[in-house]
C-alpha atoms as a PDB file:
ATOM      1  CA  MET A   1     -73.767  -0.794 -20.493  1.00  0.00           C
ATOM      2  CA  ARG A   2     -75.873  -2.602 -23.088  1.00  0.00           C
ATOM      3  CA  ILE A   3     -78.542  -5.003 -22.014  1.00  0.00           C
ATOM      4  CA  ASN A   4     -79.532  -7.866 -24.228  1.00  0.00           C
ATOM      5  CA  ARG A   5     -83.318  -7.885 -24.230  1.00  0.00           C
ATOM      6  CA  ASN A   6     -83.312 -11.640 -24.923  1.00  0.00           C
ATOM      7  CA  GLN A   7     -81.003 -12.377 -22.018  1.00  0.00           C
ATOM      8  CA  GLY A   8     -82.483 -14.985 -19.721  1.00  0.00           C
ATOM      9  CA  ARG A   9     -85.265 -15.847 -22.148  1.00  0.00           C
ATOM     10  CA  LYS A  10     -85.520 -19.084 -24.040  1.00  0.00           C
ATOM     11  CA  ARG A  11     -85.317 -18.661 -27.776  1.00  0.00           C
ATOM     12  CA  PRO A  12     -88.063 -20.461 -29.695  1.00  0.00           C
ATOM     13  CA  ILE A  13     -87.209 -23.315 -32.000  1.00  0.00           C
ATOM     14  CA  THR A  14     -88.574 -21.966 -35.260  1.00  0.00           C
ATOM     15  CA  PRO A  15     -89.285 -24.231 -38.233  1.00  0.00           C
ATOM     16  CA  GLN A  16     -86.048 -23.019 -39.862  1.00  0.00           C
ATOM     17  CA  ARG A  17     -83.999 -23.784 -36.752  1.00  0.00           C
ATOM     18  CA  ARG A  18     -85.669 -27.185 -36.503  1.00  0.00           C
ATOM     19  CA  LEU A  19     -84.708 -27.830 -40.141  1.00  0.00           C
ATOM     20  CA  LEU A  20     -81.080 -26.810 -39.544  1.00  0.00           C
ATOM     21  CA  LEU A  21     -80.814 -29.014 -36.477  1.00  0.00           C
ATOM     22  CA  SER A  22     -82.263 -31.985 -38.351  1.00  0.00           C
ATOM     23  CA  ILE A  23     -79.773 -31.486 -41.207  1.00  0.00           C
ATOM     24  CA  ILE A  24     -76.888 -31.522 -38.718  1.00  0.00           C
ATOM     25  CA  GLN A  25     -78.275 -34.701 -37.135  1.00  0.00           C
ATOM     26  CA  GLU A  26     -78.815 -36.388 -40.494  1.00  0.00           C
ATOM     27  CA  ALA A  27     -75.292 -35.560 -41.624  1.00  0.00           C
ATOM     28  CA  GLN A  28     -73.845 -37.814 -38.917  1.00  0.00           C
ATOM     29  CA  GLY A  29     -70.620 -35.971 -39.330  1.00  0.00           C
ATOM     30  CA  HIS A  30     -69.186 -32.540 -39.720  1.00  0.00           C
ATOM     31  CA  LEU A  31     -70.662 -29.662 -41.672  1.00  0.00           C
ATOM     32  CA  ASP A  32     -69.365 -26.164 -42.059  1.00  0.00           C
ATOM     33  CA  ALA A  33     -71.848 -23.281 -42.160  1.00  0.00           C
ATOM     34  CA  LYS A  34     -71.811 -22.982 -45.943  1.00  0.00           C
ATOM     35  CA  GLU A  35     -72.488 -26.685 -46.493  1.00  0.00           C
ATOM     36  CA  LEU A  36     -75.292 -26.530 -43.937  1.00  0.00           C
ATOM     37  CA  TYR A  37     -76.724 -23.540 -45.811  1.00  0.00           C
ATOM     38  CA  ARG A  38     -76.427 -25.342 -49.159  1.00  0.00           C
ATOM     39  CA  ARG A  39     -78.359 -28.324 -47.810  1.00  0.00           C
ATOM     40  CA  ALA A  40     -80.933 -26.118 -46.082  1.00  0.00           C
ATOM     41  CA  ILE A  41     -81.888 -24.060 -49.136  1.00  0.00           C
ATOM     42  CA  GLU A  42     -82.619 -27.295 -51.001  1.00  0.00           C
ATOM     43  CA  ARG A  43     -85.461 -27.819 -48.525  1.00  0.00           C
ATOM     44  CA  ASP A  44     -86.365 -24.223 -47.701  1.00  0.00           C
ATOM     45  CA  PRO A  45     -85.245 -21.622 -50.268  1.00  0.00           C
ATOM     46  CA  SER A  46     -86.287 -18.773 -47.944  1.00  0.00           C
ATOM     47  CA  ILE A  47     -83.580 -19.539 -45.369  1.00  0.00           C
ATOM     48  CA  SER A  48     -80.685 -17.064 -45.277  1.00  0.00           C
ATOM     49  CA  LEU A  49     -77.014 -17.562 -44.520  1.00  0.00           C
ATOM     50  CA  ALA A  50     -77.408 -15.113 -41.612  1.00  0.00           C
ATOM     51  CA  THR A  51     -80.109 -17.383 -40.149  1.00  0.00           C
ATOM     52  CA  VAL A  52     -77.708 -20.308 -40.403  1.00  0.00           C
ATOM     53  CA  TYR A  53     -74.978 -18.438 -38.510  1.00  0.00           C
ATOM     54  CA  ARG A  54     -77.381 -17.131 -35.840  1.00  0.00           C
ATOM     55  CA  SER A  55     -78.850 -20.595 -35.374  1.00  0.00           C
ATOM     56  CA  LEU A  56     -75.428 -22.214 -35.070  1.00  0.00           C
ATOM     57  CA  ARG A  57     -74.494 -19.686 -32.378  1.00  0.00           C
ATOM     58  CA  LEU A  58     -77.761 -20.393 -30.541  1.00  0.00           C
ATOM     59  CA  PHE A  59     -77.369 -24.183 -30.810  1.00  0.00           C
ATOM     60  CA  LYS A  60     -73.831 -23.853 -29.444  1.00  0.00           C
ATOM     61  CA  GLU A  61     -74.998 -21.674 -26.526  1.00  0.00           C
ATOM     62  CA  GLN A  62     -77.717 -24.210 -25.709  1.00  0.00           C
ATOM     63  CA  GLY A  63     -75.215 -27.078 -25.764  1.00  0.00           C
ATOM     64  CA  LEU A  64     -76.877 -28.865 -28.683  1.00  0.00           C
ATOM     65  CA  ILE A  65     -73.878 -28.816 -31.007  1.00  0.00           C
ATOM     66  CA  GLU A  66     -70.118 -28.587 -30.824  1.00  0.00           C
ATOM     67  CA  GLU A  67     -67.995 -26.287 -32.913  1.00  0.00           C
ATOM     68  CA  ARG A  68     -64.660 -27.660 -34.046  1.00  0.00           C
ATOM     69  CA  ARG A  69     -61.929 -25.795 -35.860  1.00  0.00           C
ATOM     70  CA  LEU A  70     -60.401 -28.638 -37.816  1.00  0.00           C
ATOM     71  CA  ASP A  71     -58.361 -26.617 -40.260  1.00  0.00           C
ATOM     72  CA  ARG A  72     -57.024 -23.096 -40.399  1.00  0.00           C
ATOM     73  CA  VAL A  73     -60.017 -21.650 -42.197  1.00  0.00           C
ATOM     74  CA  ARG A  74     -63.365 -23.212 -41.274  1.00  0.00           C
ATOM     75  CA  CYS A  75     -65.332 -24.267 -38.261  1.00  0.00           C
ATOM     76  CA  TYR A  76     -67.249 -27.515 -38.437  1.00  0.00           C
ATOM     77  CA  TYR A  77     -70.357 -28.373 -36.475  1.00  0.00           C
ATOM     78  CA  GLU A  78     -71.660 -31.657 -35.142  1.00  0.00           C
ATOM     79  CA  ILE A  79     -74.301 -32.801 -32.698  1.00  0.00           C
ATOM     80  CA  LYS A  80     -72.912 -32.808 -29.176  1.00  0.00           C
ATOM     81  CA  ARG A  81     -72.390 -36.308 -27.914  1.00  0.00           C
ATOM     82  CA  SER A  82     -70.933 -37.838 -24.821  1.00  0.00           C
ATOM     83  CA  GLY A  83     -67.432 -39.157 -24.947  1.00  0.00           C
ATOM     84  CA  GLU A  84     -64.317 -37.767 -26.530  1.00  0.00           C
ATOM     85  CA  HIS A  85     -63.345 -38.533 -30.085  1.00  0.00           C
ATOM     86  CA  GLN A  86     -60.661 -37.297 -32.408  1.00  0.00           C
ATOM     87  CA  HIS A  87     -60.582 -36.298 -36.050  1.00  0.00           C
ATOM     88  CA  LEU A  88     -58.603 -36.990 -39.207  1.00  0.00           C
ATOM     89  CA  VAL A  89     -58.795 -34.142 -41.724  1.00  0.00           C
ATOM     90  CA  CYS A  90     -57.863 -34.586 -45.384  1.00  0.00           C
ATOM     91  CA  GLN A  91     -55.711 -31.673 -46.538  1.00  0.00           C
ATOM     92  CA  SER A  92     -56.854 -32.154 -50.112  1.00  0.00           C
ATOM     93  CA  CYS A  93     -60.644 -32.601 -50.064  1.00  0.00           C
ATOM     94  CA  GLY A  94     -61.430 -31.527 -46.474  1.00  0.00           C
ATOM     95  CA  HIS A  95     -63.117 -34.836 -45.596  1.00  0.00           C
ATOM     96  CA  VAL A  96     -63.327 -35.354 -41.820  1.00  0.00           C
ATOM     97  CA  ILE A  97     -63.162 -38.819 -40.258  1.00  0.00           C
ATOM     98  CA  GLU A  98     -63.909 -39.413 -36.576  1.00  0.00           C
ATOM     99  CA  PHE A  99     -61.900 -41.936 -34.639  1.00  0.00           C
ATOM    100  CA  ASP A 100     -61.454 -43.029 -31.071  1.00  0.00           C
ATOM    101  CA  SER A 101     -58.367 -44.752 -29.759  1.00  0.00           C
ATOM    102  CA  PRO A 102     -57.668 -46.395 -26.416  1.00  0.00           C
ATOM    103  CA  LEU A 103     -54.058 -45.237 -26.853  1.00  0.00           C
ATOM    104  CA  ILE A 104     -55.147 -41.611 -26.665  1.00  0.00           C
ATOM    105  CA  ARG A 105     -57.173 -42.282 -23.518  1.00  0.00           C
ATOM    106  CA  LYS A 106     -54.099 -43.970 -22.037  1.00  0.00           C
ATOM    107  CA  LEU A 107     -51.931 -40.978 -22.989  1.00  0.00           C
ATOM    108  CA  ILE A 108     -54.381 -38.603 -21.280  1.00  0.00           C
ATOM    109  CA  GLU A 109     -54.338 -40.726 -18.117  1.00  0.00           C
ATOM    110  CA  GLU A 110     -50.538 -40.709 -18.130  1.00  0.00           C
ATOM    111  CA  VAL A 111     -50.389 -36.924 -18.629  1.00  0.00           C
ATOM    112  CA  GLU A 112     -52.883 -36.420 -15.790  1.00  0.00           C
ATOM    113  CA  HIS A 113     -50.897 -38.699 -13.479  1.00  0.00           C
ATOM    114  CA  ARG A 114     -47.462 -37.233 -14.275  1.00  0.00           C
ATOM    115  CA  ASN A 115     -48.639 -33.649 -13.927  1.00  0.00           C
ATOM    116  CA  ASN A 116     -51.216 -34.028 -11.152  1.00  0.00           C
ATOM    117  CA  PHE A 117     -53.710 -32.515 -13.558  1.00  0.00           C
ATOM    118  CA  SER A 118     -57.339 -33.222 -14.407  1.00  0.00           C
ATOM    119  CA  VAL A 119     -58.096 -33.020 -18.138  1.00  0.00           C
ATOM    120  CA  ASN A 120     -61.655 -31.889 -18.938  1.00  0.00           C
ATOM    121  CA  LYS A 121     -61.477 -31.529 -22.692  1.00  0.00           C
ATOM    122  CA  VAL A 122     -59.312 -32.906 -25.463  1.00  0.00           C
ATOM    123  CA  GLU A 123     -59.285 -31.578 -29.006  1.00  0.00           C
ATOM    124  CA  LEU A 124     -57.044 -33.519 -31.330  1.00  0.00           C
ATOM    125  CA  TYR A 125     -57.055 -33.627 -35.077  1.00  0.00           C
ATOM    126  CA  LEU A 126     -54.523 -35.081 -37.441  1.00  0.00           C
ATOM    127  CA  GLU A 127     -54.025 -33.773 -40.970  1.00  0.00           C
ATOM    128  CA  GLY A 128     -53.063 -35.881 -43.942  1.00  0.00           C
ATOM    129  CA  TYR A 129     -54.676 -37.412 -47.018  1.00  0.00           C
ATOM    130  CA  CYS A 130     -57.694 -39.709 -47.185  1.00  0.00           C
ATOM    131  CA  GLN A 131     -57.516 -42.913 -49.208  1.00  0.00           C
ATOM    132  CA  GLU A 132     -59.221 -41.401 -52.269  1.00  0.00           C
ATOM    133  CA  CYS A 133     -56.871 -38.425 -52.356  1.00  0.00           C
ATOM    134  CA  GLN A 134     -53.828 -40.655 -51.833  1.00  0.00           C
ATOM    135  CA  GLU A 135     -54.889 -42.733 -54.835  1.00  0.00           C
ATOM    136  CA  GLY A 136     -55.366 -39.560 -56.878  1.00  0.00           C
ATOM    137  CA  ARG A 137     -51.839 -38.404 -56.044  1.00  0.00           C
ATOM    138  CA  ASP A 138     -50.207 -41.556 -57.435  1.00  0.00           C
END
């Protein structure tokens, strides 16, 4: 059996972790790890991609961010917030748009009622083409 020597201990918020968290907050949207890294090295060239991945894992464990798999390849990260929301993902450029709809909340209530089930989490994303990519396809 392996014992994690850091188990049960709080991990310090280093200046690099603080920078990464502030970039995620400033983005007000969804970043994948490579985009977060690209933005981070503009401010701190000493930061490594491994630090980005370790920090994302730590932030997720601490409940500071949410990880969303919004396409078949990448995970996106955003600051954890209260309330459910859904996502539109452009299949061409990868742009992610958040939306919230009372119709979806109504659907969840109906599903709960019909199935005597309590829904705790909803992850919904719709794929298609954003306005810019639609115009480019014409």
